[in-house]
Every structure is written in C-alpha cells, then in structure tokens.
C-alpha cells in the first residue's frame, strides 16, 4: 500500500515506447470509493502549462502496469 502523495515523487515511463513522461502532478480520486481513478501528468509544453491544464495527460489507473520504488510503468498509447 502507498499514499497518493508518494506517487508525485515517481517518474512515469511508458513501456510501449520507452519514453519518460515526467512526474505525476495530480491524481483523480473517486470520492465515493476512495480509489484512484487516474494520474495526471503535465503537458510537455512548459509555456502552455503556465496558463492552462487542458493539455495535461490523464492516464487511467487501469493503464498502470507497475508502481515501483522510483518509477511508475504504464502502457499507454499517447495520441
């Protein structure tokens, strides 16, 4: 078991292409069940990140394959 705050310290790596996506900026939590529904990664563009969160990448929890000590491995097709 781990805390949601611990996710922010882990780097996200997409196993489908080996790309490092950055770190978790936020999580979506289902308030009724208390479960994490998705993790959110900031968009690649630092300029747009200052003004909007529209381009953030939302990774559904079912796409997460492994939460390790230092990284989170996902298998996600970035569109």
N, C-alpha and C. Protein backbone atom coordinates (compact mmCIF):
# COMPACT_ATOMS: atom_id res chain seq x y z
N UNK A 1 0.84 -1.17 0.00
CA UNK A 1 0.00 0.00 0.00
C UNK A 1 0.89 1.24 0.00
N UNK A 2 0.41 2.30 -0.63
CA UNK A 2 1.17 3.55 -0.68
C UNK A 2 0.20 4.71 -0.60
N UNK A 3 0.74 5.87 -0.31
CA UNK A 3 -0.05 7.10 -0.23
C UNK A 3 -0.09 7.76 -1.60
N UNK A 4 -1.17 8.46 -1.89
CA UNK A 4 -1.29 9.18 -3.16
C UNK A 4 -0.18 10.22 -3.29
N UNK A 5 0.23 10.81 -2.18
CA UNK A 5 1.29 11.82 -2.23
C UNK A 5 2.63 11.22 -2.66
N UNK A 6 2.83 9.93 -2.41
CA UNK A 6 4.07 9.28 -2.82
C UNK A 6 4.16 9.13 -4.34
N UNK A 7 3.03 9.12 -5.02
CA UNK A 7 3.04 9.00 -6.48
C UNK A 7 3.73 10.18 -7.13
N UNK A 8 3.65 11.35 -6.52
CA UNK A 8 4.24 12.56 -7.10
C UNK A 8 5.76 12.51 -7.15
N UNK A 9 6.35 11.62 -6.41
CA UNK A 9 7.81 11.50 -6.37
C UNK A 9 8.34 10.48 -7.36
N UNK A 10 7.45 9.84 -8.11
CA UNK A 10 7.86 8.77 -9.02
C UNK A 10 7.77 9.24 -10.47
N UNK A 11 8.78 8.86 -11.25
CA UNK A 11 8.80 9.20 -12.66
C UNK A 11 7.93 8.22 -13.44
N UNK A 12 7.23 8.73 -14.45
CA UNK A 12 6.36 7.91 -15.29
C UNK A 12 7.11 7.50 -16.54
N UNK A 13 7.12 6.20 -16.83
CA UNK A 13 7.75 5.68 -18.05
C UNK A 13 6.73 4.85 -18.80
N UNK A 14 6.59 5.15 -20.10
CA UNK A 14 5.66 4.43 -20.95
C UNK A 14 6.39 3.23 -21.55
N UNK A 15 5.98 2.02 -21.21
CA UNK A 15 6.69 0.84 -21.69
C UNK A 15 6.43 0.57 -23.18
N UNK A 16 5.40 1.19 -23.76
CA UNK A 16 5.12 0.95 -25.17
C UNK A 16 6.17 1.59 -26.08
N UNK A 17 6.79 2.70 -25.62
CA UNK A 17 7.82 3.35 -26.43
C UNK A 17 9.08 3.71 -25.64
N UNK A 18 9.10 3.43 -24.35
CA UNK A 18 10.27 3.72 -23.52
C UNK A 18 10.43 5.17 -23.14
N UNK A 19 9.45 6.00 -23.46
CA UNK A 19 9.56 7.44 -23.22
C UNK A 19 9.32 7.78 -21.75
N UNK A 20 10.15 8.69 -21.25
CA UNK A 20 9.95 9.25 -19.91
C UNK A 20 8.96 10.40 -20.04
N UNK A 21 7.88 10.33 -19.30
CA UNK A 21 6.81 11.32 -19.43
C UNK A 21 6.84 12.39 -18.36
N UNK A 22 7.65 12.21 -17.34
CA UNK A 22 7.71 13.20 -16.27
C UNK A 22 7.18 12.62 -14.97
N UNK A 23 6.72 13.50 -14.12
CA UNK A 23 6.25 13.10 -12.80
C UNK A 23 4.76 13.40 -12.66
N UNK A 24 4.12 12.69 -11.77
CA UNK A 24 2.69 12.88 -11.51
C UNK A 24 2.48 14.28 -10.94
N UNK A 25 1.53 15.02 -11.53
CA UNK A 25 1.23 16.34 -11.00
C UNK A 25 -0.04 16.33 -10.15
N UNK A 26 -0.91 15.35 -10.40
CA UNK A 26 -2.17 15.28 -9.67
C UNK A 26 -2.76 13.88 -9.83
N UNK A 27 -3.76 13.59 -9.05
CA UNK A 27 -4.48 12.32 -9.18
C UNK A 27 -5.98 12.59 -9.18
N UNK A 28 -6.73 11.74 -9.87
CA UNK A 28 -8.19 11.79 -9.82
C UNK A 28 -8.63 10.71 -8.85
N UNK A 29 -9.42 11.10 -7.87
CA UNK A 29 -9.88 10.15 -6.86
C UNK A 29 -11.40 10.06 -6.91
N UNK A 30 -11.91 8.84 -6.88
CA UNK A 30 -13.34 8.61 -6.79
C UNK A 30 -13.71 8.82 -5.32
N UNK A 31 -14.45 9.87 -5.05
CA UNK A 31 -14.75 10.23 -3.66
C UNK A 31 -15.70 9.22 -2.99
N UNK A 32 -16.49 8.51 -3.78
CA UNK A 32 -17.40 7.53 -3.20
C UNK A 32 -16.68 6.28 -2.74
N UNK A 33 -15.70 5.83 -3.54
CA UNK A 33 -15.00 4.59 -3.21
C UNK A 33 -13.64 4.82 -2.57
N UNK A 34 -13.11 6.04 -2.73
CA UNK A 34 -11.79 6.35 -2.19
C UNK A 34 -10.65 5.78 -3.01
N UNK A 35 -10.94 5.37 -4.25
CA UNK A 35 -9.90 4.78 -5.10
C UNK A 35 -9.38 5.81 -6.10
N UNK A 36 -8.14 5.60 -6.52
CA UNK A 36 -7.53 6.46 -7.53
C UNK A 36 -8.04 6.01 -8.89
N UNK A 37 -8.61 6.95 -9.65
CA UNK A 37 -9.14 6.66 -10.98
C UNK A 37 -8.11 6.90 -12.07
N UNK A 38 -7.24 7.89 -11.87
CA UNK A 38 -6.26 8.25 -12.90
C UNK A 38 -5.14 9.07 -12.28
N UNK A 39 -4.01 9.09 -12.99
CA UNK A 39 -2.92 10.00 -12.63
C UNK A 39 -2.82 11.04 -13.73
N UNK A 40 -2.36 12.22 -13.38
CA UNK A 40 -2.27 13.32 -14.33
C UNK A 40 -0.82 13.76 -14.44
N UNK A 41 -0.38 13.90 -15.69
CA UNK A 41 0.99 14.31 -15.98
C UNK A 41 0.90 15.64 -16.73
N UNK A 42 1.72 16.63 -16.38
CA UNK A 42 1.68 17.90 -17.10
C UNK A 42 2.03 17.71 -18.57
N UNK A 43 1.46 18.57 -19.41
CA UNK A 43 1.79 18.52 -20.83
C UNK A 43 3.27 18.82 -21.01
N UNK A 44 3.80 18.45 -22.17
CA UNK A 44 5.23 18.63 -22.43
C UNK A 44 5.61 20.09 -22.58
N UNK A 45 4.68 20.91 -23.03
CA UNK A 45 4.98 22.31 -23.28
C UNK A 45 4.93 23.11 -21.98
N UNK A 46 6.07 23.61 -21.54
CA UNK A 46 6.12 24.40 -20.31
C UNK A 46 5.36 25.71 -20.46
N UNK A 47 5.36 26.30 -21.66
CA UNK A 47 4.68 27.57 -21.87
C UNK A 47 3.18 27.41 -21.61
N UNK A 48 2.58 26.40 -22.20
CA UNK A 48 1.15 26.20 -22.04
C UNK A 48 0.79 25.75 -20.64
N UNK A 49 1.69 25.07 -19.97
CA UNK A 49 1.42 24.58 -18.62
C UNK A 49 1.20 25.75 -17.66
N UNK A 50 1.82 26.88 -17.91
CA UNK A 50 1.65 28.03 -17.02
C UNK A 50 0.24 28.60 -17.08
N UNK A 51 -0.42 28.44 -18.21
CA UNK A 51 -1.70 29.11 -18.41
C UNK A 51 -2.90 28.18 -18.42
N UNK A 52 -2.69 26.90 -18.64
CA UNK A 52 -3.83 26.00 -18.78
C UNK A 52 -3.44 24.58 -18.41
N UNK A 53 -4.42 23.85 -17.92
CA UNK A 53 -4.20 22.43 -17.64
C UNK A 53 -4.92 21.58 -18.68
N UNK A 54 -5.42 22.21 -19.75
CA UNK A 54 -6.17 21.48 -20.78
C UNK A 54 -5.32 20.43 -21.47
N UNK A 55 -4.03 20.66 -21.61
CA UNK A 55 -3.17 19.75 -22.34
C UNK A 55 -2.52 18.70 -21.45
N UNK A 56 -2.91 18.65 -20.18
CA UNK A 56 -2.36 17.63 -19.30
C UNK A 56 -2.73 16.24 -19.81
N UNK A 57 -1.88 15.27 -19.52
CA UNK A 57 -2.12 13.90 -19.94
C UNK A 57 -2.76 13.16 -18.77
N UNK A 58 -3.94 12.61 -19.00
CA UNK A 58 -4.66 11.85 -17.98
C UNK A 58 -4.49 10.37 -18.29
N UNK A 59 -3.86 9.66 -17.37
CA UNK A 59 -3.60 8.23 -17.54
C UNK A 59 -4.56 7.46 -16.63
N UNK A 60 -5.51 6.73 -17.21
CA UNK A 60 -6.42 5.93 -16.38
C UNK A 60 -5.64 4.90 -15.55
N UNK A 61 -6.11 4.64 -14.36
CA UNK A 61 -5.42 3.74 -13.45
C UNK A 61 -5.21 2.35 -14.05
N UNK A 62 -6.15 1.88 -14.87
CA UNK A 62 -6.00 0.54 -15.45
C UNK A 62 -4.86 0.45 -16.46
N UNK A 63 -4.30 1.59 -16.90
CA UNK A 63 -3.16 1.60 -17.81
C UNK A 63 -1.83 1.47 -17.07
N UNK A 64 -1.86 1.58 -15.75
CA UNK A 64 -0.65 1.45 -14.94
C UNK A 64 -0.34 -0.03 -14.77
N UNK A 65 0.88 -0.40 -15.16
CA UNK A 65 1.27 -1.80 -15.09
C UNK A 65 2.04 -2.13 -13.83
N UNK A 66 2.83 -1.18 -13.32
CA UNK A 66 3.64 -1.45 -12.12
C UNK A 66 4.00 -0.14 -11.44
N UNK A 67 3.84 -0.09 -10.13
CA UNK A 67 4.31 1.03 -9.33
C UNK A 67 5.53 0.53 -8.58
N UNK A 68 6.70 1.04 -8.98
CA UNK A 68 7.95 0.61 -8.36
C UNK A 68 8.42 1.60 -7.31
N UNK A 69 9.63 1.39 -6.83
CA UNK A 69 10.21 2.26 -5.81
C UNK A 69 10.43 3.66 -6.36
N UNK A 70 10.96 3.76 -7.59
CA UNK A 70 11.31 5.06 -8.17
C UNK A 70 10.47 5.46 -9.37
N UNK A 71 9.82 4.49 -10.02
CA UNK A 71 9.09 4.78 -11.26
C UNK A 71 7.71 4.13 -11.27
N UNK A 72 6.87 4.64 -12.16
CA UNK A 72 5.58 4.03 -12.46
C UNK A 72 5.63 3.65 -13.93
N UNK A 73 5.39 2.38 -14.22
CA UNK A 73 5.39 1.91 -15.60
C UNK A 73 3.95 1.87 -16.11
N UNK A 74 3.74 2.49 -17.27
CA UNK A 74 2.42 2.49 -17.88
C UNK A 74 2.53 1.91 -19.28
N UNK A 75 1.41 1.46 -19.81
CA UNK A 75 1.34 1.01 -21.20
C UNK A 75 0.20 1.80 -21.82
N UNK A 76 0.55 2.93 -22.42
CA UNK A 76 -0.46 3.89 -22.85
C UNK A 76 -0.13 4.41 -24.23
N UNK A 77 -1.12 4.46 -25.08
CA UNK A 77 -0.96 4.98 -26.43
C UNK A 77 -1.24 6.48 -26.40
N UNK A 78 -0.19 7.29 -26.38
CA UNK A 78 -0.36 8.74 -26.36
C UNK A 78 -0.81 9.20 -27.73
N UNK A 79 -1.91 9.92 -27.76
CA UNK A 79 -2.46 10.38 -29.04
C UNK A 79 -1.99 11.76 -29.36
